[in-house]
Amino acid sequence: MKSTRLLIVTIVCLAVLALAAPVAQAGEVVQGVCLSYDPQSKTMTVKNELDPAGLKRLNQKEIYVFDLSIAKIGASPEKGNIVRVAFQKIQDKNVALKVMNVSKQDIRAK
């Protein structure tokens, strides 16, 4: 009986950890103008236009270069499009996890 209970508790703990793992990968978000996009080298440069909370425009805009090698990309970004990028800082690289092209997104399609 005790071993069954221990097994159940262990399985529940592992399930909770497995569900929490994607939350740990959340990362940061940048939204702004795509300055360049190179699908061959899998890089994109974006000028951030929102504060970290996403509530107001920034006076001083930061430039980010993203590694897109593992990113899920919606509509292909083009120079001048507004894009939103979820990313993580891994070593010295900004590694994009998801790229959404806000300029090409059709919210009426849903």
PDB file of N, CA and C in Angstrom:
ATOM      1  N   MET A   1       0.819  -1.193   0.000  1.00  0.00           N
ATOM      2  CA  MET A   1       0.000   0.000   0.000  1.00  0.00           C
ATOM      3  C   MET A   1       0.869   1.266   0.000  1.00  0.00           C
ATOM      4  N   LYS A   2       1.924   1.247   0.860  1.00  0.00           N
ATOM      5  CA  LYS A   2       2.800   2.418   0.914  1.00  0.00           C
ATOM      6  C   LYS A   2       3.542   2.608  -0.401  1.00  0.00           C
ATOM      7  N   SER A   3       3.969   1.524  -1.030  1.00  0.00           N
ATOM      8  CA  SER A   3       4.700   1.654  -2.285  1.00  0.00           C
ATOM      9  C   SER A   3       3.796   2.178  -3.399  1.00  0.00           C
ATOM     10  N   THR A   4       2.525   1.803  -3.385  1.00  0.00           N
ATOM     11  CA  THR A   4       1.570   2.311  -4.370  1.00  0.00           C
ATOM     12  C   THR A   4       1.358   3.802  -4.178  1.00  0.00           C
ATOM     13  N   ARG A   5       1.209   4.214  -2.941  1.00  0.00           N
ATOM     14  CA  ARG A   5       1.015   5.631  -2.626  1.00  0.00           C
ATOM     15  C   ARG A   5       2.243   6.438  -3.027  1.00  0.00           C
ATOM     16  N   LEU A   6       3.425   5.897  -2.747  1.00  0.00           N
ATOM     17  CA  LEU A   6       4.668   6.571  -3.131  1.00  0.00           C
ATOM     18  C   LEU A   6       4.782   6.692  -4.647  1.00  0.00           C
ATOM     19  N   LEU A   7       4.386   5.656  -5.356  1.00  0.00           N
ATOM     20  CA  LEU A   7       4.410   5.678  -6.811  1.00  0.00           C
ATOM     21  C   LEU A   7       3.467   6.742  -7.363  1.00  0.00           C
ATOM     22  N   ILE A   8       2.289   6.845  -6.800  1.00  0.00           N
ATOM     23  CA  ILE A   8       1.309   7.851  -7.239  1.00  0.00           C
ATOM     24  C   ILE A   8       1.831   9.259  -6.982  1.00  0.00           C
ATOM     25  N   VAL A   9       2.402   9.492  -5.813  1.00  0.00           N
ATOM     26  CA  VAL A   9       2.949  10.813  -5.484  1.00  0.00           C
ATOM     27  C   VAL A   9       4.090  11.157  -6.434  1.00  0.00           C
ATOM     28  N   THR A  10       4.936  10.192  -6.742  1.00  0.00           N
ATOM     29  CA  THR A  10       6.046  10.422  -7.663  1.00  0.00           C
ATOM     30  C   THR A  10       5.541  10.780  -9.051  1.00  0.00           C
ATOM     31  N   ILE A  11       4.543  10.062  -9.543  1.00  0.00           N
ATOM     32  CA  ILE A  11       3.977  10.339 -10.870  1.00  0.00           C
ATOM     33  C   ILE A  11       3.346  11.723 -10.909  1.00  0.00           C
ATOM     34  N   VAL A  12       2.625  12.098  -9.862  1.00  0.00           N
ATOM     35  CA  VAL A  12       2.003  13.425  -9.811  1.00  0.00           C
ATOM     36  C   VAL A  12       3.077  14.511  -9.810  1.00  0.00           C
ATOM     37  N   CYS A  13       4.144  14.326  -9.045  1.00  0.00           N
ATOM     38  CA  CYS A  13       5.226  15.319  -9.012  1.00  0.00           C
ATOM     39  C   CYS A  13       5.898  15.461 -10.376  1.00  0.00           C
ATOM     40  N   LEU A  14       6.130  14.342 -11.047  1.00  0.00           N
ATOM     41  CA  LEU A  14       6.731  14.401 -12.374  1.00  0.00           C
ATOM     42  C   LEU A  14       5.814  15.090 -13.372  1.00  0.00           C
ATOM     43  N   ALA A  15       4.517  14.854 -13.264  1.00  0.00           N
ATOM     44  CA  ALA A  15       3.562  15.513 -14.167  1.00  0.00           C
ATOM     45  C   ALA A  15       3.557  17.021 -13.941  1.00  0.00           C
ATOM     46  N   VAL A  16       3.600  17.447 -12.699  1.00  0.00           N
ATOM     47  CA  VAL A  16       3.625  18.880 -12.389  1.00  0.00           C
ATOM     48  C   VAL A  16       4.899  19.516 -12.938  1.00  0.00           C
ATOM     49  N   LEU A  17       6.030  18.849 -12.775  1.00  0.00           N
ATOM     50  CA  LEU A  17       7.286  19.374 -13.312  1.00  0.00           C
ATOM     51  C   LEU A  17       7.263  19.448 -14.831  1.00  0.00           C
ATOM     52  N   ALA A  18       6.680  18.456 -15.480  1.00  0.00           N
ATOM     53  CA  ALA A  18       6.603  18.466 -16.944  1.00  0.00           C
ATOM     54  C   ALA A  18       5.726  19.604 -17.443  1.00  0.00           C
ATOM     55  N   LEU A  19       4.659  19.910 -16.734  1.00  0.00           N
ATOM     56  CA  LEU A  19       3.785  21.015 -17.134  1.00  0.00           C
ATOM     57  C   LEU A  19       4.418  22.366 -16.860  1.00  0.00           C
ATOM     58  N   ALA A  20       5.273  22.446 -15.858  1.00  0.00           N
ATOM     59  CA  ALA A  20       5.913  23.715 -15.507  1.00  0.00           C
ATOM     60  C   ALA A  20       7.107  24.030 -16.399  1.00  0.00           C
ATOM     61  N   ALA A  21       7.670  23.049 -17.074  1.00  0.00           N
ATOM     62  CA  ALA A  21       8.867  23.257 -17.905  1.00  0.00           C
ATOM     63  C   ALA A  21       8.664  24.296 -18.997  1.00  0.00           C
ATOM     64  N   PRO A  22       7.555  24.287 -19.774  1.00  0.00           N
ATOM     65  CA  PRO A  22       7.386  25.326 -20.798  1.00  0.00           C
ATOM     66  C   PRO A  22       7.299  26.730 -20.219  1.00  0.00           C
ATOM     67  N   VAL A  23       6.765  26.861 -19.020  1.00  0.00           N
ATOM     68  CA  VAL A  23       6.679  28.175 -18.381  1.00  0.00           C
ATOM     69  C   VAL A  23       8.077  28.705 -18.099  1.00  0.00           C
ATOM     70  N   ALA A  24       8.990  27.831 -17.753  1.00  0.00           N
ATOM     71  CA  ALA A  24      10.352  28.252 -17.459  1.00  0.00           C
ATOM     72  C   ALA A  24      11.063  28.759 -18.709  1.00  0.00           C
ATOM     73  N   GLN A  25      10.583  28.374 -19.892  1.00  0.00           N
ATOM     74  CA  GLN A  25      11.210  28.800 -21.129  1.00  0.00           C
ATOM     75  C   GLN A  25      10.624  30.097 -21.668  1.00  0.00           C
ATOM     76  N   ALA A  26       9.790  30.759 -20.937  1.00  0.00           N
ATOM     77  CA  ALA A  26       9.070  31.919 -21.444  1.00  0.00           C
ATOM     78  C   ALA A  26       9.983  32.955 -22.082  1.00  0.00           C
ATOM     79  N   GLY A  27      10.877  33.560 -21.346  1.00  0.00           N
ATOM     80  CA  GLY A  27      11.799  34.523 -21.919  1.00  0.00           C
ATOM     81  C   GLY A  27      11.251  35.938 -21.997  1.00  0.00           C
ATOM     82  N   GLU A  28      11.922  36.743 -22.797  1.00  0.00           N
ATOM     83  CA  GLU A  28      11.585  38.156 -22.956  1.00  0.00           C
ATOM     84  C   GLU A  28      10.860  38.372 -24.277  1.00  0.00           C
ATOM     85  N   VAL A  29      10.253  39.560 -24.422  1.00  0.00           N
ATOM     86  CA  VAL A  29       9.540  39.894 -25.655  1.00  0.00           C
ATOM     87  C   VAL A  29       9.982  41.266 -26.141  1.00  0.00           C
ATOM     88  N   VAL A  30      10.204  41.355 -27.456  1.00  0.00           N
ATOM     89  CA  VAL A  30      10.549  42.613 -28.111  1.00  0.00           C
ATOM     90  C   VAL A  30       9.553  42.816 -29.236  1.00  0.00           C
ATOM     91  N   GLN A  31       9.108  44.062 -29.417  1.00  0.00           N
ATOM     92  CA  GLN A  31       8.254  44.384 -30.557  1.00  0.00           C
ATOM     93  C   GLN A  31       8.759  45.655 -31.193  1.00  0.00           C
ATOM     94  N   GLY A  32       8.893  45.612 -32.516  1.00  0.00           N
ATOM     95  CA  GLY A  32       9.367  46.798 -33.212  1.00  0.00           C
ATOM     96  C   GLY A  32       9.515  46.546 -34.696  1.00  0.00           C
ATOM     97  N   VAL A  33      10.260  47.423 -35.340  1.00  0.00           N
ATOM     98  CA  VAL A  33      10.443  47.385 -36.788  1.00  0.00           C
ATOM     99  C   VAL A  33      11.550  46.404 -37.149  1.00  0.00           C
ATOM    100  N   CYS A  34      11.262  45.547 -38.142  1.00  0.00           N
ATOM    101  CA  CYS A  34      12.271  44.631 -38.678  1.00  0.00           C
ATOM    102  C   CYS A  34      13.211  45.447 -39.558  1.00  0.00           C
ATOM    103  N   LEU A  35      14.478  45.515 -39.163  1.00  0.00           N
ATOM    104  CA  LEU A  35      15.469  46.251 -39.941  1.00  0.00           C
ATOM    105  C   LEU A  35      16.091  45.375 -41.015  1.00  0.00           C
ATOM    106  N   SER A  36      16.222  44.079 -40.725  1.00  0.00           N
ATOM    107  CA  SER A  36      16.734  43.137 -41.719  1.00  0.00           C
ATOM    108  C   SER A  36      16.319  41.727 -41.346  1.00  0.00           C
ATOM    109  N   TYR A  37      16.167  40.886 -42.375  1.00  0.00           N
ATOM    110  CA  TYR A  37      15.812  39.481 -42.177  1.00  0.00           C
ATOM    111  C   TYR A  37      16.566  38.669 -43.218  1.00  0.00           C
ATOM    112  N   ASP A  38      17.354  37.701 -42.766  1.00  0.00           N
ATOM    113  CA  ASP A  38      18.125  36.851 -43.672  1.00  0.00           C
ATOM    114  C   ASP A  38      17.788  35.391 -43.386  1.00  0.00           C
ATOM    115  N   PRO A  39      16.904  34.785 -44.217  1.00  0.00           N
ATOM    116  CA  PRO A  39      16.522  33.396 -43.972  1.00  0.00           C
ATOM    117  C   PRO A  39      17.680  32.407 -44.148  1.00  0.00           C
ATOM    118  N   GLN A  40      18.688  32.743 -44.966  1.00  0.00           N
ATOM    119  CA  GLN A  40      19.815  31.837 -45.159  1.00  0.00           C
ATOM    120  C   GLN A  40      20.669  31.730 -43.892  1.00  0.00           C
ATOM    121  N   SER A  41      21.010  32.859 -43.306  1.00  0.00           N
ATOM    122  CA  SER A  41      21.825  32.831 -42.086  1.00  0.00           C
ATOM    123  C   SER A  41      20.970  32.728 -40.830  1.00  0.00           C
ATOM    124  N   LYS A  42      19.640  32.731 -41.009  1.00  0.00           N
ATOM    125  CA  LYS A  42      18.675  32.617 -39.901  1.00  0.00           C
ATOM    126  C   LYS A  42      18.918  33.685 -38.837  1.00  0.00           C
ATOM    127  N   THR A  43      18.984  34.947 -39.297  1.00  0.00           N
ATOM    128  CA  THR A  43      19.129  36.072 -38.383  1.00  0.00           C
ATOM    129  C   THR A  43      18.127  37.164 -38.742  1.00  0.00           C
ATOM    130  N   MET A  44      17.801  37.961 -37.759  1.00  0.00           N
ATOM    131  CA  MET A  44      16.903  39.093 -37.962  1.00  0.00           C
ATOM    132  C   MET A  44      17.324  40.206 -37.004  1.00  0.00           C
ATOM    133  N   THR A  45      17.259  41.442 -37.481  1.00  0.00           N
ATOM    134  CA  THR A  45      17.571  42.608 -36.661  1.00  0.00           C
ATOM    135  C   THR A  45      16.291  43.406 -36.466  1.00  0.00           C
ATOM    136  N   VAL A  46      16.012  43.756 -35.201  1.00  0.00           N
ATOM    137  CA  VAL A  46      14.771  44.457 -34.855  1.00  0.00           C
ATOM    138  C   VAL A  46      15.098  45.659 -33.985  1.00  0.00           C
ATOM    139  N   LYS A  47      14.418  46.784 -34.272  1.00  0.00           N
ATOM    140  CA  LYS A  47      14.530  47.977 -33.420  1.00  0.00           C
ATOM    141  C   LYS A  47      13.354  47.936 -32.445  1.00  0.00           C
ATOM    142  N   ASN A  48      13.643  47.680 -31.157  1.00  0.00           N
ATOM    143  CA  ASN A  48      12.604  47.583 -30.138  1.00  0.00           C
ATOM    144  C   ASN A  48      11.925  48.930 -29.946  1.00  0.00           C
ATOM    145  N   GLU A  49      10.599  48.921 -29.915  1.00  0.00           N
ATOM    146  CA  GLU A  49       9.850  50.166 -29.737  1.00  0.00           C
ATOM    147  C   GLU A  49       8.943  50.166 -28.517  1.00  0.00           C
ATOM    148  N   LEU A  50       8.933  49.086 -27.751  1.00  0.00           N
ATOM    149  CA  LEU A  50       8.087  49.019 -26.565  1.00  0.00           C
ATOM    150  C   LEU A  50       8.926  48.811 -25.319  1.00  0.00           C
ATOM    151  N   ASP A  51       8.444  49.342 -24.197  1.00  0.00           N
ATOM    152  CA  ASP A  51       9.113  49.104 -22.925  1.00  0.00           C
ATOM    153  C   ASP A  51       8.907  47.640 -22.539  1.00  0.00           C
ATOM    154  N   PRO A  52       9.667  47.125 -21.553  1.00  0.00           N
ATOM    155  CA  PRO A  52       9.550  45.710 -21.196  1.00  0.00           C
ATOM    156  C   PRO A  52       8.133  45.276 -20.836  1.00  0.00           C
ATOM    157  N   ALA A  53       7.335  46.157 -20.278  1.00  0.00           N
ATOM    158  CA  ALA A  53       5.958  45.803 -19.931  1.00  0.00           C
ATOM    159  C   ALA A  53       5.030  45.924 -21.139  1.00  0.00           C
ATOM    160  N   GLY A  54       5.524  46.512 -22.226  1.00  0.00           N
ATOM    161  CA  GLY A  54       4.722  46.640 -23.436  1.00  0.00           C
ATOM    162  C   GLY A  54       3.631  47.682 -23.346  1.00  0.00           C
ATOM    163  N   LEU A  55       3.767  48.626 -22.421  1.00  0.00           N
ATOM    164  CA  LEU A  55       2.698  49.585 -22.186  1.00  0.00           C
ATOM    165  C   LEU A  55       2.868  50.907 -22.922  1.00  0.00           C
ATOM    166  N   LYS A  56       4.094  51.286 -23.213  1.00  0.00           N
ATOM    167  CA  LYS A  56       4.303  52.582 -23.866  1.00  0.00           C
ATOM    168  C   LYS A  56       5.492  52.515 -24.801  1.00  0.00           C
ATOM    169  N   ARG A  57       5.534  53.436 -25.725  1.00  0.00           N
ATOM    170  CA  ARG A  57       6.661  53.510 -26.658  1.00  0.00           C
ATOM    171  C   ARG A  57       7.909  54.017 -25.935  1.00  0.00           C
ATOM    172  N   LEU A  58       9.049  53.510 -26.363  1.00  0.00           N
ATOM    173  CA  LEU A  58      10.320  53.930 -25.780  1.00  0.00           C
ATOM    174  C   LEU A  58      10.843  55.177 -26.470  1.00  0.00           C
ATOM    175  N   ASN A  59      11.488  56.062 -25.717  1.00  0.00           N
ATOM    176  CA  ASN A  59      12.146  57.215 -26.313  1.00  0.00           C
ATOM    177  C   ASN A  59      13.465  56.782 -26.948  1.00  0.00           C
ATOM    178  N   GLN A  60      14.183  55.914 -26.258  1.00  0.00           N
ATOM    179  CA  GLN A  60      15.462  55.429 -26.762  1.00  0.00           C
ATOM    180  C   GLN A  60      15.243  53.995 -27.250  1.00  0.00           C
ATOM    181  N   LYS A  61      15.404  53.768 -28.515  1.00  0.00           N
ATOM    182  CA  LYS A  61      15.133  52.451 -29.088  1.00  0.00           C
ATOM    183  C   LYS A  61      16.403  51.606 -29.112  1.00  0.00           C
ATOM    184  N   GLU A  62      16.247  50.339 -28.741  1.00  0.00           N
ATOM    185  CA  GLU A  62      17.370  49.413 -28.740  1.00  0.00           C
ATOM    186  C   GLU A  62      17.320  48.536 -29.985  1.00  0.00           C
ATOM    187  N   ILE A  63      18.484  48.161 -30.480  1.00  0.00           N
ATOM    188  CA  ILE A  63      18.599  47.275 -31.638  1.00  0.00           C
ATOM    189  C   ILE A  63      18.946  45.875 -31.134  1.00  0.00           C
ATOM    190  N   TYR A  64      18.189  44.878 -31.578  1.00  0.00           N
ATOM    191  CA  TYR A  64      18.413  43.482 -31.214  1.00  0.00           C
ATOM    192  C   TYR A  64      18.715  42.672 -32.467  1.00  0.00           C
ATOM    193  N   VAL A  65      19.690  41.775 -32.368  1.00  0.00           N
ATOM    194  CA  VAL A  65      19.968  40.816 -33.432  1.00  0.00           C
ATOM    195  C   VAL A  65      19.572  39.450 -32.878  1.00  0.00           C
ATOM    196  N   PHE A  66      18.711  38.735 -33.626  1.00  0.00           N
ATOM    197  CA  PHE A  66      18.189  37.456 -33.166  1.00  0.00           C
ATOM    198  C   PHE A  66      18.708  36.299 -33.997  1.00  0.00           C
ATOM    199  N   ASP A  67      18.992  35.202 -33.312  1.00  0.00           N
ATOM    200  CA  ASP A  67      19.297  33.923 -33.951  1.00  0.00           C
ATOM    201  C   ASP A  67      17.954  33.210 -34.107  1.00  0.00           C
ATOM    202  N   LEU A  68      17.577  32.886 -35.343  1.00  0.00           N
ATOM    203  CA  LEU A  68      16.267  32.289 -35.627  1.00  0.00           C
ATOM    204  C   LEU A  68      16.345  30.782 -35.859  1.00  0.00           C
ATOM    205  N   SER A  69      17.462  30.145 -35.530  1.00  0.00           N
ATOM    206  CA  SER A  69      17.664  28.738 -35.875  1.00  0.00           C
ATOM    207  C   SER A  69      16.633  27.793 -35.266  1.00  0.00           C
ATOM    208  N   ILE A  70      16.057  28.129 -34.105  1.00  0.00           N
ATOM    209  CA  ILE A  70      15.051  27.249 -33.490  1.00  0.00           C
ATOM    210  C   ILE A  70      13.678  27.913 -33.409  1.00  0.00           C
ATOM    211  N   ALA A  71      13.546  29.084 -33.995  1.00  0.00           N
ATOM    212  CA  ALA A  71      12.312  29.866 -33.849  1.00  0.00           C
ATOM    213  C   ALA A  71      11.157  29.304 -34.671  1.00  0.00           C
ATOM    214  N   LYS A  72       9.965  29.423 -34.115  1.00  0.00           N
ATOM    215  CA  LYS A  72       8.737  29.175 -34.869  1.00  0.00           C
ATOM    216  C   LYS A  72       8.355  30.521 -35.471  1.00  0.00           C
ATOM    217  N   ILE A  73       8.274  30.578 -36.804  1.00  0.00           N
ATOM    218  CA  ILE A  73       8.035  31.843 -37.494  1.00  0.00           C
ATOM    219  C   ILE A  73       6.704  31.761 -38.215  1.00  0.00           C
ATOM    220  N   GLY A  74       5.837  32.749 -37.976  1.00  0.00           N
ATOM    221  CA  GLY A  74       4.558  32.820 -38.686  1.00  0.00           C
ATOM    222  C   GLY A  74       4.802  33.317 -40.104  1.00  0.00           C
ATOM    223  N   ALA A  75       4.139  34.394 -40.480  1.00  0.00           N
ATOM    224  CA  ALA A  75       4.341  35.008 -41.800  1.00  0.00           C
ATOM    225  C   ALA A  75       5.765  35.554 -41.871  1.00  0.00           C
ATOM    226  N   SER A  76       6.442  35.287 -42.975  1.00  0.00           N
ATOM    227  CA  SER A  76       7.836  35.725 -43.126  1.00  0.00           C
ATOM    228  C   SER A  76       7.960  37.228 -42.950  1.00  0.00           C
ATOM    229  N   PRO A  77       8.876  37.663 -42.071  1.00  0.00           N
ATOM    230  CA  PRO A  77       9.071  39.092 -41.891  1.00  0.00           C
ATOM    231  C   PRO A  77       9.815  39.706 -43.068  1.00  0.00           C
ATOM    232  N   GLU A  78       9.539  40.957 -43.315  1.00  0.00           N
ATOM    233  CA  GLU A  78      10.248  41.727 -44.330  1.00  0.00           C
ATOM    234  C   GLU A  78      10.709  43.023 -43.694  1.00  0.00           C
ATOM    235  N   LYS A  79      11.711  43.635 -44.301  1.00  0.00           N
ATOM    236  CA  LYS A  79      12.217  44.911 -43.799  1.00  0.00           C
ATOM    237  C   LYS A  79      11.063  45.911 -43.729  1.00  0.00           C
ATOM    238  N   GLY A  80      10.926  46.567 -42.581  1.00  0.00           N
ATOM    239  CA  GLY A  80       9.877  47.565 -42.385  1.00  0.00           C
ATOM    240  C   GLY A  80       8.638  47.031 -41.693  1.00  0.00           C
ATOM    241  N   ASN A  81       8.462  45.697 -41.629  1.00  0.00           N
ATOM    242  CA  ASN A  81       7.311  45.120 -40.929  1.00  0.00           C
ATOM    243  C   ASN A  81       7.463  45.276 -39.428  1.00  0.00           C
ATOM    244  N   ILE A  82       6.336  45.360 -38.739  1.00  0.00           N
ATOM    245  CA  ILE A  82       6.336  45.328 -37.272  1.00  0.00           C
ATOM    246  C   ILE A  82       6.301  43.853 -36.870  1.00  0.00           C
ATOM    247  N   VAL A  83       7.263  43.443 -36.021  1.00  0.00           N
ATOM    248  CA  VAL A  83       7.336  42.064 -35.567  1.00  0.00           C
ATOM    249  C   VAL A  83       7.377  42.006 -34.043  1.00  0.00           C
ATOM    250  N   ARG A  84       6.901  40.894 -33.512  1.00  0.00           N
ATOM    251  CA  ARG A  84       6.984  40.631 -32.067  1.00  0.00           C
ATOM    252  C   ARG A  84       7.787  39.347 -31.914  1.00  0.00           C
ATOM    253  N   VAL A  85       8.824  39.389 -31.076  1.00  0.00           N
ATOM    254  CA  VAL A  85       9.737  38.257 -30.925  1.00  0.00           C
ATOM    255  C   VAL A  85       9.823  37.856 -29.457  1.00  0.00           C
ATOM    256  N   ALA A  86       9.515  36.592 -29.178  1.00  0.00           N
ATOM    257  CA  ALA A  86       9.756  36.023 -27.853  1.00  0.00           C
ATOM    258  C   ALA A  86      11.117  35.342 -27.930  1.00  0.00           C
ATOM    259  N   PHE A  87      11.993  35.649 -26.981  1.00  0.00           N
ATOM    260  CA  PHE A  87      13.358  35.131 -27.062  1.00  0.00           C
ATOM    261  C   PHE A  87      13.942  34.863 -25.697  1.00  0.00           C
ATOM    262  N   GLN A  88      15.046  34.132 -25.711  1.00  0.00           N
ATOM    263  CA  GLN A  88      15.832  33.903 -24.503  1.00  0.00           C
ATOM    264  C   GLN A  88      17.268  34.311 -24.777  1.00  0.00           C
ATOM    265  N   LYS A  89      17.905  34.813 -23.762  1.00  0.00           N
ATOM    266  CA  LYS A  89      19.332  35.139 -23.842  1.00  0.00           C
ATOM    267  C   LYS A  89      20.088  33.865 -23.481  1.00  0.00           C
ATOM    268  N   ILE A  90      20.800  33.280 -24.446  1.00  0.00           N
ATOM    269  CA  ILE A  90      21.578  32.069 -24.211  1.00  0.00           C
ATOM    270  C   ILE A  90      23.025  32.409 -24.519  1.00  0.00           C
ATOM    271  N   GLN A  91      23.852  32.342 -23.490  1.00  0.00           N
ATOM    272  CA  GLN A  91      25.232  32.804 -23.544  1.00  0.00           C
ATOM    273  C   GLN A  91      25.206  34.265 -23.990  1.00  0.00           C
ATOM    274  N   ASP A  92      25.783  34.607 -25.121  1.00  0.00           N
ATOM    275  CA  ASP A  92      25.784  35.996 -25.575  1.00  0.00           C
ATOM    276  C   ASP A  92      24.821  36.222 -26.732  1.00  0.00           C
ATOM    277  N   LYS A  93      23.941  35.268 -27.004  1.00  0.00           N
ATOM    278  CA  LYS A  93      23.043  35.361 -28.156  1.00  0.00           C
ATOM    279  C   LYS A  93      21.609  35.586 -27.714  1.00  0.00           C
ATOM    280  N   ASN A  94      20.864  36.329 -28.536  1.00  0.00           N
ATOM    281  CA  ASN A  94      19.421  36.448 -28.376  1.00  0.00           C
ATOM    282  C   ASN A  94      18.801  35.379 -29.274  1.00  0.00           C
ATOM    283  N   VAL A  95      18.346  34.293 -28.674  1.00  0.00           N
ATOM    284  CA  VAL A  95      17.807  33.162 -29.427  1.00  0.00           C
ATOM    285  C   VAL A  95      16.282  33.281 -29.455  1.00  0.00           C
ATOM    286  N   ALA A  96      15.750  33.512 -30.652  1.00  0.00           N
ATOM    287  CA  ALA A  96      14.309  33.678 -30.814  1.00  0.00           C
ATOM    288  C   ALA A  96      13.604  32.336 -30.661  1.00  0.00           C
ATOM    289  N   LEU A  97      12.476  32.358 -29.932  1.00  0.00           N
ATOM    290  CA  LEU A  97      11.648  31.170 -29.785  1.00  0.00           C
ATOM    291  C   LEU A  97      10.447  31.234 -30.718  1.00  0.00           C
ATOM    292  N   LYS A  98       9.846  32.428 -30.810  1.00  0.00           N
ATOM    293  CA  LYS A  98       8.687  32.641 -31.679  1.00  0.00           C
ATOM    294  C   LYS A  98       8.788  34.017 -32.321  1.00  0.00           C
ATOM    295  N   VAL A  99       8.394  34.095 -33.589  1.00  0.00           N
ATOM    296  CA  VAL A  99       8.376  35.367 -34.308  1.00  0.00           C
ATOM    297  C   VAL A  99       6.990  35.546 -34.904  1.00  0.00           C
ATOM    298  N   MET A 100       6.341  36.658 -34.568  1.00  0.00           N
ATOM    299  CA  MET A 100       5.033  36.968 -35.132  1.00  0.00           C
ATOM    300  C   MET A 100       5.149  38.249 -35.936  1.00  0.00           C
ATOM    301  N   ASN A 101       4.723  38.199 -37.171  1.00  0.00           N
ATOM    302  CA  ASN A 101       4.725  39.370 -38.025  1.00  0.00           C
ATOM    303  C   ASN A 101       3.405  40.101 -37.800  1.00  0.00           C
ATOM    304  N   VAL A 102       3.437  41.143 -36.994  1.00  0.00           N
ATOM    305  CA  VAL A 102       2.227  41.892 -36.642  1.00  0.00           C
ATOM    306  C   VAL A 102       1.659  42.594 -37.869  1.00  0.00           C
ATOM    307  N   SER A 103       2.516  43.063 -38.765  1.00  0.00           N
ATOM    308  CA  SER A 103       2.066  43.767 -39.967  1.00  0.00           C
ATOM    309  C   SER A 103       1.229  42.867 -40.873  1.00  0.00           C
ATOM    310  N   LYS A 104       1.564  41.585 -40.939  1.00  0.00           N
ATOM    311  CA  LYS A 104       0.869  40.674 -41.858  1.00  0.00           C
ATOM    312  C   LYS A 104      -0.190  39.820 -41.175  1.00  0.00           C
ATOM    313  N   GLN A 105      -0.313  39.964 -39.861  1.00  0.00           N
ATOM    314  CA  GLN A 105      -1.281  39.146 -39.146  1.00  0.00           C
ATOM    315  C   GLN A 105      -2.700  39.608 -39.462  1.00  0.00           C
ATOM    316  N   ASP A 106      -3.548  38.682 -39.826  1.00  0.00           N
ATOM    317  CA  ASP A 106      -4.937  38.997 -40.108  1.00  0.00           C
ATOM    318  C   ASP A 106      -5.787  38.503 -38.947  1.00  0.00           C
ATOM    319  N   ILE A 107      -6.104  39.391 -38.027  1.00  0.00           N
ATOM    320  CA  ILE A 107      -6.854  38.969 -36.836  1.00  0.00           C
ATOM    321  C   ILE A 107      -8.318  38.671 -37.184  1.00  0.00           C
ATOM    322  N   ARG A 108      -8.779  39.082 -38.338  1.00  0.00           N
ATOM    323  CA  ARG A 108     -10.150  38.787 -38.737  1.00  0.00           C
ATOM    324  C   ARG A 108     -10.307  37.348 -39.211  1.00  0.00           C
ATOM    325  N   ALA A 109      -9.186  36.683 -39.515  1.00  0.00           N
ATOM    326  CA  ALA A 109      -9.243  35.316 -40.039  1.00  0.00           C
ATOM    327  C   ALA A 109      -9.656  34.298 -38.978  1.00  0.00           C
ATOM    328  N   LYS A 110      -9.618  34.658 -37.714  1.00  0.00           N
ATOM    329  CA  LYS A 110      -9.957  33.722 -36.644  1.00  0.00           C
ATOM    330  C   LYS A 110     -11.402  33.723 -36.337  1.00  0.00           C
TER     331      LYS A 110
END
